[in-house]
Amino acid sequence: MNHMLVDVENMAKIYFHLPQLMQFPVIMLAGIYMIYTSVGIAFIGGVFSVIIITMLVSVITKVLFR
């Protein structure tokens, strides 16, 4: 396998996932809005806990794979 073939495969992967990448922010905002309308301001606690847990998992993963 040469470098040109690998580059072509990587470009094909990008073009395959590009629509999903562009839809992601819209889907996230719609989901956040729907949770806000059903739960109210209490959803902020859930958002903060998800952010904190994501950061914690990232740090633990970096430490484990050193």
Protein backbone atom coordinates (compact mmCIF):
# COMPACT_ATOMS: atom_id res chain seq x y z
CA MET A 1 0.00 0.00 0.00
CA ASN A 2 1.48 3.33 -0.97
CA HIS A 3 0.92 6.80 0.48
CA MET A 4 -1.33 7.95 -2.34
CA LEU A 5 -3.77 5.09 -1.76
CA VAL A 6 -3.91 5.86 1.96
CA ASP A 7 -4.55 9.55 1.24
CA VAL A 8 -7.39 8.70 -1.13
CA GLU A 9 -8.96 6.43 1.47
CA ASN A 10 -8.73 9.16 4.12
CA MET A 11 -10.35 11.71 1.79
CA ALA A 12 -13.15 9.25 1.04
CA LYS A 13 -13.76 8.82 4.77
CA ILE A 14 -13.94 12.59 5.23
CA TYR A 15 -16.50 13.01 2.47
CA PHE A 16 -18.53 10.12 3.87
CA HIS A 17 -18.75 11.67 7.35
CA LEU A 18 -18.98 15.35 6.34
CA PRO A 19 -22.81 15.58 6.34
CA GLN A 20 -22.94 14.09 9.84
CA LEU A 21 -20.27 16.52 11.02
CA MET A 22 -22.27 19.46 9.70
CA GLN A 23 -25.53 18.21 11.26
CA PHE A 24 -24.03 17.64 14.71
CA PRO A 25 -24.29 21.24 16.07
CA VAL A 26 -27.90 21.57 14.89
CA ILE A 27 -28.88 18.25 16.46
CA MET A 28 -27.14 19.16 19.73
CA LEU A 29 -28.86 22.54 19.94
CA ALA A 30 -32.25 20.99 19.16
CA GLY A 31 -31.71 18.36 21.86
CA ILE A 32 -30.65 20.94 24.42
CA TYR A 33 -33.70 23.07 23.60
CA MET A 34 -36.07 20.10 23.94
CA ILE A 35 -34.56 19.13 27.30
CA TYR A 36 -34.85 22.76 28.46
CA THR A 37 -38.52 22.94 27.49
CA SER A 38 -39.36 19.71 29.31
CA VAL A 39 -37.19 20.06 32.44
CA GLY A 40 -36.53 23.76 32.69
CA ILE A 41 -33.42 25.34 34.10
CA ALA A 42 -32.56 22.11 35.99
CA PHE A 43 -30.93 20.72 32.84
CA ILE A 44 -27.86 22.88 33.54
CA GLY A 45 -26.84 20.50 36.35
CA GLY A 46 -26.89 17.60 33.92
CA VAL A 47 -24.87 19.51 31.34
CA PHE A 48 -22.23 20.45 33.91
CA SER A 49 -22.00 16.88 35.19
CA VAL A 50 -21.52 15.55 31.65
CA ILE A 51 -18.77 18.12 31.01
CA ILE A 52 -16.99 17.32 34.29
CA ILE A 53 -17.18 13.55 33.73
CA THR A 54 -15.90 13.93 30.15
CA MET A 55 -12.92 15.96 31.35
CA LEU A 56 -12.25 13.43 34.13
CA VAL A 57 -12.33 10.49 31.73
CA SER A 58 -9.99 12.36 29.38
CA VAL A 59 -7.44 12.95 32.14
CA ILE A 60 -7.63 9.36 33.36
CA THR A 61 -7.19 8.06 29.80
CA LYS A 62 -4.12 10.23 29.25
CA VAL A 63 -2.59 8.98 32.50
CA LEU A 64 -3.29 5.33 31.67
CA PHE A 65 -1.83 5.47 28.16
CA ARG A 66 1.49 7.13 29.04
